[in-house]
Amino acid sequence: MTMQADLLSPPVNYAVVQLPERNYPGVVVQGDTLRSLQKQVELMERLLDTGQLEDLAGEIEDLKEQLFGALTYFERICSERGITLPY
């Protein structure tokens, strides 16, 4: 059996794809981007453990902006394709 995902957006750090047998598209995160996000969370944990709350707040804001960017991109691609959002 051959299954194929449909690429709905240009292949950037966050690509929107439609997987077979799924009602809604998903977001593919490049491996290096995923690793970077994971390392950022590890840094956030260290900052919390050492009480560096100002630096932690900065990292949280950065992560929030990255996730907001990916979500906004996902929503724009869905809108352009006439796909209703799953939420």
PDB file of N, CA and C in Angstrom:
ATOM      1  N   MET A   1       0.837  -1.164   0.000  1.00  0.00           N
ATOM      2  CA  MET A   1       0.000   0.000   0.000  1.00  0.00           C
ATOM      3  C   MET A   1       0.892   1.241   0.000  1.00  0.00           C
ATOM      4  N   THR A   2       0.576   2.167  -0.882  1.00  0.00           N
ATOM      5  CA  THR A   2       1.300   3.425  -0.960  1.00  0.00           C
ATOM      6  C   THR A   2       0.432   4.530  -0.400  1.00  0.00           C
ATOM      7  N   MET A   3       1.006   5.299   0.512  1.00  0.00           N
ATOM      8  CA  MET A   3       0.293   6.437   1.078  1.00  0.00           C
ATOM      9  C   MET A   3       1.078   7.689   0.734  1.00  0.00           C
ATOM     10  N   GLN A   4       0.363   8.776   0.538  1.00  0.00           N
ATOM     11  CA  GLN A   4       1.005  10.017   0.149  1.00  0.00           C
ATOM     12  C   GLN A   4       0.420  11.177   0.927  1.00  0.00           C
ATOM     13  N   ALA A   5       1.295  12.027   1.439  1.00  0.00           N
ATOM     14  CA  ALA A   5       0.868  13.255   2.102  1.00  0.00           C
ATOM     15  C   ALA A   5       0.871  14.372   1.067  1.00  0.00           C
ATOM     16  N   ASP A   6      -0.070  15.296   1.189  1.00  0.00           N
ATOM     17  CA  ASP A   6      -0.140  16.425   0.279  1.00  0.00           C
ATOM     18  C   ASP A   6       0.483  17.651   0.940  1.00  0.00           C
ATOM     19  N   LEU A   7       1.466  18.235   0.277  1.00  0.00           N
ATOM     20  CA  LEU A   7       2.102  19.448   0.757  1.00  0.00           C
ATOM     21  C   LEU A   7       1.215  20.624   0.378  1.00  0.00           C
ATOM     22  N   LEU A   8       0.716  21.352   1.387  1.00  0.00           N
ATOM     23  CA  LEU A   8      -0.210  22.456   1.156  1.00  0.00           C
ATOM     24  C   LEU A   8       0.472  23.816   1.180  1.00  0.00           C
ATOM     25  N   SER A   9       1.735  23.856   1.568  1.00  0.00           N
ATOM     26  CA  SER A   9       2.458  25.120   1.672  1.00  0.00           C
ATOM     27  C   SER A   9       3.879  24.912   1.156  1.00  0.00           C
ATOM     28  N   PRO A  10       4.580  26.009   0.900  1.00  0.00           N
ATOM     29  CA  PRO A  10       5.996  25.865   0.540  1.00  0.00           C
ATOM     30  C   PRO A  10       6.754  25.167   1.664  1.00  0.00           C
ATOM     31  N   PRO A  11       7.766  24.400   1.334  1.00  0.00           N
ATOM     32  CA  PRO A  11       8.527  23.665   2.351  1.00  0.00           C
ATOM     33  C   PRO A  11       9.505  24.574   3.095  1.00  0.00           C
ATOM     34  N   VAL A  12       8.999  25.216   4.141  1.00  0.00           N
ATOM     35  CA  VAL A  12       9.824  26.070   4.999  1.00  0.00           C
ATOM     36  C   VAL A  12       9.984  25.369   6.343  1.00  0.00           C
ATOM     37  N   ASN A  13      10.449  26.063   7.365  1.00  0.00           N
ATOM     38  CA  ASN A  13      10.637  25.428   8.677  1.00  0.00           C
ATOM     39  C   ASN A  13       9.370  24.751   9.192  1.00  0.00           C
ATOM     40  N   TYR A  14       8.225  25.349   8.899  1.00  0.00           N
ATOM     41  CA  TYR A  14       6.954  24.761   9.293  1.00  0.00           C
ATOM     42  C   TYR A  14       6.135  24.577   8.018  1.00  0.00           C
ATOM     43  N   ALA A  15       6.015  23.350   7.548  1.00  0.00           N
ATOM     44  CA  ALA A  15       5.241  23.082   6.342  1.00  0.00           C
ATOM     45  C   ALA A  15       3.881  22.512   6.740  1.00  0.00           C
ATOM     46  N   VAL A  16       2.852  22.944   6.048  1.00  0.00           N
ATOM     47  CA  VAL A  16       1.500  22.451   6.305  1.00  0.00           C
ATOM     48  C   VAL A  16       1.250  21.303   5.332  1.00  0.00           C
ATOM     49  N   VAL A  17       0.868  20.158   5.879  1.00  0.00           N
ATOM     50  CA  VAL A  17       0.636  18.964   5.065  1.00  0.00           C
ATOM     51  C   VAL A  17      -0.700  18.327   5.434  1.00  0.00           C
ATOM     52  N   GLN A  18      -1.280  17.656   4.461  1.00  0.00           N
ATOM     53  CA  GLN A  18      -2.501  16.884   4.696  1.00  0.00           C
ATOM     54  C   GLN A  18      -2.117  15.417   4.638  1.00  0.00           C
ATOM     55  N   LEU A  19      -2.252  14.736   5.757  1.00  0.00           N
ATOM     56  CA  LEU A  19      -1.928  13.309   5.827  1.00  0.00           C
ATOM     57  C   LEU A  19      -3.119  12.482   5.372  1.00  0.00           C
ATOM     58  N   PRO A  20      -2.848  11.323   4.790  1.00  0.00           N
ATOM     59  CA  PRO A  20      -3.948  10.450   4.378  1.00  0.00           C
ATOM     60  C   PRO A  20      -4.829  10.082   5.568  1.00  0.00           C
ATOM     61  N   GLU A  21      -6.107  10.027   5.323  1.00  0.00           N
ATOM     62  CA  GLU A  21      -7.097   9.577   6.302  1.00  0.00           C
ATOM     63  C   GLU A  21      -7.229  10.501   7.524  1.00  0.00           C
ATOM     64  N   ARG A  22      -6.712  11.726   7.427  1.00  0.00           N
ATOM     65  CA  ARG A  22      -6.866  12.702   8.505  1.00  0.00           C
ATOM     66  C   ARG A  22      -7.816  13.789   8.026  1.00  0.00           C
ATOM     67  N   ASN A  23      -8.671  14.280   8.912  1.00  0.00           N
ATOM     68  CA  ASN A  23      -9.640  15.313   8.539  1.00  0.00           C
ATOM     69  C   ASN A  23      -9.009  16.688   8.369  1.00  0.00           C
ATOM     70  N   TYR A  24      -7.972  16.967   9.126  1.00  0.00           N
ATOM     71  CA  TYR A  24      -7.364  18.289   9.115  1.00  0.00           C
ATOM     72  C   TYR A  24      -5.877  18.182   8.799  1.00  0.00           C
ATOM     73  N   PRO A  25      -5.323  19.242   8.206  1.00  0.00           N
ATOM     74  CA  PRO A  25      -3.882  19.247   7.946  1.00  0.00           C
ATOM     75  C   PRO A  25      -3.102  19.324   9.250  1.00  0.00           C
ATOM     76  N   GLY A  26      -1.828  19.074   9.135  1.00  0.00           N
ATOM     77  CA  GLY A  26      -0.916  19.191  10.262  1.00  0.00           C
ATOM     78  C   GLY A  26       0.261  20.064   9.879  1.00  0.00           C
ATOM     79  N   VAL A  27       1.150  20.251  10.816  1.00  0.00           N
ATOM     80  CA  VAL A  27       2.342  21.054  10.594  1.00  0.00           C
ATOM     81  C   VAL A  27       3.551  20.152  10.779  1.00  0.00           C
ATOM     82  N   VAL A  28       4.403  20.137   9.782  1.00  0.00           N
ATOM     83  CA  VAL A  28       5.657  19.397   9.867  1.00  0.00           C
ATOM     84  C   VAL A  28       6.734  20.369  10.308  1.00  0.00           C
ATOM     85  N   VAL A  29       7.476  19.984  11.320  1.00  0.00           N
ATOM     86  CA  VAL A  29       8.571  20.800  11.836  1.00  0.00           C
ATOM     87  C   VAL A  29       9.878  20.132  11.405  1.00  0.00           C
ATOM     88  N   GLN A  30      10.751  20.908  10.776  1.00  0.00           N
ATOM     89  CA  GLN A  30      12.044  20.376  10.377  1.00  0.00           C
ATOM     90  C   GLN A  30      12.793  19.871  11.612  1.00  0.00           C
ATOM     91  N   GLY A  31      13.563  18.825  11.441  1.00  0.00           N
ATOM     92  CA  GLY A  31      14.270  18.217  12.560  1.00  0.00           C
ATOM     93  C   GLY A  31      15.185  19.174  13.295  1.00  0.00           C
ATOM     94  N   ASP A  32      15.901  20.023  12.558  1.00  0.00           N
ATOM     95  CA  ASP A  32      16.798  20.961  13.233  1.00  0.00           C
ATOM     96  C   ASP A  32      16.009  22.009  14.013  1.00  0.00           C
ATOM     97  N   THR A  33      14.850  22.391  13.499  1.00  0.00           N
ATOM     98  CA  THR A  33      13.993  23.329  14.222  1.00  0.00           C
ATOM     99  C   THR A  33      13.430  22.672  15.478  1.00  0.00           C
ATOM    100  N   LEU A  34      13.023  21.418  15.368  1.00  0.00           N
ATOM    101  CA  LEU A  34      12.512  20.681  16.517  1.00  0.00           C
ATOM    102  C   LEU A  34      13.588  20.572  17.596  1.00  0.00           C
ATOM    103  N   ARG A  35      14.810  20.257  17.203  1.00  0.00           N
ATOM    104  CA  ARG A  35      15.914  20.157  18.161  1.00  0.00           C
ATOM    105  C   ARG A  35      16.166  21.504  18.830  1.00  0.00           C
ATOM    106  N   SER A  36      16.108  22.581  18.050  1.00  0.00           N
ATOM    107  CA  SER A  36      16.303  23.913  18.601  1.00  0.00           C
ATOM    108  C   SER A  36      15.231  24.248  19.642  1.00  0.00           C
ATOM    109  N   LEU A  37      13.985  23.886  19.363  1.00  0.00           N
ATOM    110  CA  LEU A  37      12.900  24.124  20.318  1.00  0.00           C
ATOM    111  C   LEU A  37      13.126  23.324  21.597  1.00  0.00           C
ATOM    112  N   GLN A  38      13.560  22.090  21.447  1.00  0.00           N
ATOM    113  CA  GLN A  38      13.811  21.235  22.610  1.00  0.00           C
ATOM    114  C   GLN A  38      14.949  21.784  23.450  1.00  0.00           C
ATOM    115  N   LYS A  39      16.013  22.269  22.802  1.00  0.00           N
ATOM    116  CA  LYS A  39      17.134  22.855  23.546  1.00  0.00           C
ATOM    117  C   LYS A  39      16.696  24.129  24.259  1.00  0.00           C
ATOM    118  N   GLN A  40      15.811  24.887  23.637  1.00  0.00           N
ATOM    119  CA  GLN A  40      15.313  26.111  24.266  1.00  0.00           C
ATOM    120  C   GLN A  40      14.527  25.784  25.534  1.00  0.00           C
ATOM    121  N   VAL A  41      13.732  24.734  25.501  1.00  0.00           N
ATOM    122  CA  VAL A  41      12.980  24.325  26.693  1.00  0.00           C
ATOM    123  C   VAL A  41      13.943  23.863  27.790  1.00  0.00           C
ATOM    124  N   GLU A  42      14.996  23.152  27.411  1.00  0.00           N
ATOM    125  CA  GLU A  42      15.998  22.754  28.402  1.00  0.00           C
ATOM    126  C   GLU A  42      16.638  23.986  29.050  1.00  0.00           C
ATOM    127  N   LEU A  43      16.952  25.004  28.246  1.00  0.00           N
ATOM    128  CA  LEU A  43      17.504  26.242  28.774  1.00  0.00           C
ATOM    129  C   LEU A  43      16.508  26.902  29.721  1.00  0.00           C
ATOM    130  N   MET A  44      15.260  26.915  29.336  1.00  0.00           N
ATOM    131  CA  MET A  44      14.226  27.507  30.189  1.00  0.00           C
ATOM    132  C   MET A  44      14.167  26.797  31.538  1.00  0.00           C
ATOM    133  N   GLU A  45      14.293  25.498  31.528  1.00  0.00           N
ATOM    134  CA  GLU A  45      14.284  24.732  32.772  1.00  0.00           C
ATOM    135  C   GLU A  45      15.472  25.122  33.661  1.00  0.00           C
ATOM    136  N   ARG A  46      16.657  25.246  33.051  1.00  0.00           N
ATOM    137  CA  ARG A  46      17.843  25.657  33.818  1.00  0.00           C
ATOM    138  C   ARG A  46      17.670  27.060  34.389  1.00  0.00           C
ATOM    139  N   LEU A  47      17.126  27.966  33.585  1.00  0.00           N
ATOM    140  CA  LEU A  47      16.907  29.331  34.061  1.00  0.00           C
ATOM    141  C   LEU A  47      15.939  29.357  35.238  1.00  0.00           C
ATOM    142  N   LEU A  48      14.907  28.526  35.169  1.00  0.00           N
ATOM    143  CA  LEU A  48      13.960  28.441  36.279  1.00  0.00           C
ATOM    144  C   LEU A  48      14.636  27.882  37.524  1.00  0.00           C
ATOM    145  N   ASP A  49      15.409  26.807  37.332  1.00  0.00           N
ATOM    146  CA  ASP A  49      16.092  26.180  38.469  1.00  0.00           C
ATOM    147  C   ASP A  49      17.058  27.130  39.167  1.00  0.00           C
ATOM    148  N   THR A  50      17.674  28.030  38.402  1.00  0.00           N
ATOM    149  CA  THR A  50      18.659  28.944  38.987  1.00  0.00           C
ATOM    150  C   THR A  50      18.072  30.304  39.334  1.00  0.00           C
ATOM    151  N   GLY A  51      16.768  30.441  39.150  1.00  0.00           N
ATOM    152  CA  GLY A  51      16.094  31.675  39.540  1.00  0.00           C
ATOM    153  C   GLY A  51      16.346  32.865  38.629  1.00  0.00           C
ATOM    154  N   GLN A  52      16.799  32.617  37.411  1.00  0.00           N
ATOM    155  CA  GLN A  52      17.056  33.701  36.461  1.00  0.00           C
ATOM    156  C   GLN A  52      15.753  34.039  35.720  1.00  0.00           C
ATOM    157  N   LEU A  53      14.850  34.644  36.461  1.00  0.00           N
ATOM    158  CA  LEU A  53      13.491  34.825  35.953  1.00  0.00           C
ATOM    159  C   LEU A  53      13.383  35.822  34.805  1.00  0.00           C
ATOM    160  N   GLU A  54      14.221  36.851  34.785  1.00  0.00           N
ATOM    161  CA  GLU A  54      14.186  37.790  33.658  1.00  0.00           C
ATOM    162  C   GLU A  54      14.589  37.102  32.366  1.00  0.00           C
ATOM    163  N   ASP A  55      15.669  36.336  32.430  1.00  0.00           N
ATOM    164  CA  ASP A  55      16.118  35.594  31.249  1.00  0.00           C
ATOM    165  C   ASP A  55      15.078  34.554  30.836  1.00  0.00           C
ATOM    166  N   LEU A  56      14.477  33.899  31.838  1.00  0.00           N
ATOM    167  CA  LEU A  56      13.429  32.922  31.555  1.00  0.00           C
ATOM    168  C   LEU A  56      12.251  33.580  30.854  1.00  0.00           C
ATOM    169  N   ALA A  57      11.858  34.745  31.326  1.00  0.00           N
ATOM    170  CA  ALA A  57      10.745  35.465  30.695  1.00  0.00           C
ATOM    171  C   ALA A  57      11.062  35.772  29.235  1.00  0.00           C
ATOM    172  N   GLY A  58      12.297  36.136  28.952  1.00  0.00           N
ATOM    173  CA  GLY A  58      12.703  36.395  27.572  1.00  0.00           C
ATOM    174  C   GLY A  58      12.616  35.156  26.707  1.00  0.00           C
ATOM    175  N   GLU A  59      13.043  34.025  27.238  1.00  0.00           N
ATOM    176  CA  GLU A  59      12.969  32.763  26.490  1.00  0.00           C
ATOM    177  C   GLU A  59      11.520  32.340  26.257  1.00  0.00           C
ATOM    178  N   ILE A  60      10.685  32.528  27.271  1.00  0.00           N
ATOM    179  CA  ILE A  60       9.265  32.202  27.125  1.00  0.00           C
ATOM    180  C   ILE A  60       8.648  33.061  26.030  1.00  0.00           C
ATOM    181  N   GLU A  61       8.956  34.343  26.024  1.00  0.00           N
ATOM    182  CA  GLU A  61       8.426  35.243  24.995  1.00  0.00           C
ATOM    183  C   GLU A  61       8.891  34.815  23.603  1.00  0.00           C
ATOM    184  N   ASP A  62      10.154  34.434  23.488  1.00  0.00           N
ATOM    185  CA  ASP A  62      10.690  33.990  22.198  1.00  0.00           C
ATOM    186  C   ASP A  62       9.983  32.726  21.724  1.00  0.00           C
ATOM    187  N   LEU A  63       9.822  31.759  22.614  1.00  0.00           N
ATOM    188  CA  LEU A  63       9.144  30.518  22.254  1.00  0.00           C
ATOM    189  C   LEU A  63       7.694  30.782  21.871  1.00  0.00           C
ATOM    190  N   LYS A  64       7.040  31.661  22.627  1.00  0.00           N
ATOM    191  CA  LYS A  64       5.653  32.018  22.323  1.00  0.00           C
ATOM    192  C   LYS A  64       5.559  32.616  20.925  1.00  0.00           C
ATOM    193  N   GLU A  65       6.484  33.488  20.558  1.00  0.00           N
ATOM    194  CA  GLU A  65       6.482  34.107  19.234  1.00  0.00           C
ATOM    195  C   GLU A  65       6.709  33.074  18.131  1.00  0.00           C
ATOM    196  N   GLN A  66       7.613  32.125  18.377  1.00  0.00           N
ATOM    197  CA  GLN A  66       7.860  31.073  17.385  1.00  0.00           C
ATOM    198  C   GLN A  66       6.605  30.225  17.152  1.00  0.00           C
ATOM    199  N   LEU A  67       5.959  29.824  18.240  1.00  0.00           N
ATOM    200  CA  LEU A  67       4.743  29.013  18.124  1.00  0.00           C
ATOM    201  C   LEU A  67       3.607  29.808  17.501  1.00  0.00           C
ATOM    202  N   PHE A  68       3.498  31.089  17.865  1.00  0.00           N
ATOM    203  CA  PHE A  68       2.478  31.946  17.261  1.00  0.00           C
ATOM    204  C   PHE A  68       2.710  32.066  15.756  1.00  0.00           C
ATOM    205  N   GLY A  69       3.967  32.200  15.355  1.00  0.00           N
ATOM    206  CA  GLY A  69       4.290  32.278  13.932  1.00  0.00           C
ATOM    207  C   GLY A  69       3.889  31.015  13.184  1.00  0.00           C
ATOM    208  N   ALA A  70       4.177  29.854  13.777  1.00  0.00           N
ATOM    209  CA  ALA A  70       3.811  28.590  13.141  1.00  0.00           C
ATOM    210  C   ALA A  70       2.296  28.447  13.063  1.00  0.00           C
ATOM    211  N   LEU A  71       1.593  28.813  14.128  1.00  0.00           N
ATOM    212  CA  LEU A  71       0.136  28.711  14.143  1.00  0.00           C
ATOM    213  C   LEU A  71      -0.495  29.679  13.145  1.00  0.00           C
ATOM    214  N   THR A  72       0.016  30.890  13.095  1.00  0.00           N
ATOM    215  CA  THR A  72      -0.497  31.881  12.143  1.00  0.00           C
ATOM    216  C   THR A  72      -0.292  31.407  10.711  1.00  0.00           C
ATOM    217  N   TYR A  73       0.868  30.830  10.443  1.00  0.00           N
ATOM    218  CA  TYR A  73       1.161  30.280   9.115  1.00  0.00           C
ATOM    219  C   TYR A  73       0.174  29.165   8.780  1.00  0.00           C
ATOM    220  N   PHE A  74      -0.037  28.245   9.711  1.00  0.00           N
ATOM    221  CA  PHE A  74      -0.984  27.145   9.536  1.00  0.00           C
ATOM    222  C   PHE A  74      -2.378  27.680   9.220  1.00  0.00           C
ATOM    223  N   GLU A  75      -2.822  28.658   9.998  1.00  0.00           N
ATOM    224  CA  GLU A  75      -4.161  29.219   9.801  1.00  0.00           C
ATOM    225  C   GLU A  75      -4.288  29.919   8.455  1.00  0.00           C
ATOM    226  N   ARG A  76      -3.240  30.614   8.037  1.00  0.00           N
ATOM    227  CA  ARG A  76      -3.279  31.307   6.746  1.00  0.00           C
ATOM    228  C   ARG A  76      -3.367  30.311   5.601  1.00  0.00           C
ATOM    229  N   ILE A  77      -2.574  29.251   5.665  1.00  0.00           N
ATOM    230  CA  ILE A  77      -2.598  28.241   4.609  1.00  0.00           C
ATOM    231  C   ILE A  77      -3.965  27.574   4.560  1.00  0.00           C
ATOM    232  N   CYS A  78      -4.526  27.242   5.715  1.00  0.00           N
ATOM    233  CA  CYS A  78      -5.861  26.630   5.750  1.00  0.00           C
ATOM    234  C   CYS A  78      -6.894  27.575   5.142  1.00  0.00           C
ATOM    235  N   SER A  79      -6.836  28.844   5.497  1.00  0.00           N
ATOM    236  CA  SER A  79      -7.772  29.825   4.969  1.00  0.00           C
ATOM    237  C   SER A  79      -7.655  29.929   3.451  1.00  0.00           C
ATOM    238  N   GLU A  80      -6.428  30.006   2.964  1.00  0.00           N
ATOM    239  CA  GLU A  80      -6.198  30.106   1.516  1.00  0.00           C
ATOM    240  C   GLU A  80      -6.732  28.887   0.768  1.00  0.00           C
ATOM    241  N   ARG A  81      -6.714  27.740   1.427  1.00  0.00           N
ATOM    242  CA  ARG A  81      -7.164  26.493   0.804  1.00  0.00           C
ATOM    243  C   ARG A  81      -8.631  26.189   1.081  1.00  0.00           C
ATOM    244  N   GLY A  82      -9.306  27.071   1.821  1.00  0.00           N
ATOM    245  CA  GLY A  82     -10.707  26.839   2.146  1.00  0.00           C
ATOM    246  C   GLY A  82     -10.934  25.717   3.129  1.00  0.00           C
ATOM    247  N   ILE A  83      -9.966  25.472   3.977  1.00  0.00           N
ATOM    248  CA  ILE A  83     -10.030  24.399   4.974  1.00  0.00           C
ATOM    249  C   ILE A  83     -10.465  25.007   6.299  1.00  0.00           C
ATOM    250  N   THR A  84     -11.526  24.465   6.892  1.00  0.00           N
ATOM    251  CA  THR A  84     -11.949  24.953   8.201  1.00  0.00           C
ATOM    252  C   THR A  84     -10.951  24.497   9.252  1.00  0.00           C
ATOM    253  N   LEU A  85     -10.799  25.318  10.271  1.00  0.00           N
ATOM    254  CA  LEU A  85      -9.853  24.990  11.340  1.00  0.00           C
ATOM    255  C   LEU A  85     -10.457  23.955  12.282  1.00  0.00           C
ATOM    256  N   PRO A  86      -9.623  23.121  12.874  1.00  0.00           N
ATOM    257  CA  PRO A  86     -10.114  22.079  13.783  1.00  0.00           C
ATOM    258  C   PRO A  86     -10.446  22.607  15.180  1.00  0.00           C
ATOM    259  N   TYR A  87     -10.436  23.909  15.362  1.00  0.00           N
ATOM    260  CA  TYR A  87     -10.727  24.504  16.665  1.00  0.00           C
ATOM    261  C   TYR A  87     -11.514  25.768  16.489  1.00  0.00           C
TER     262      TYR A  87
END
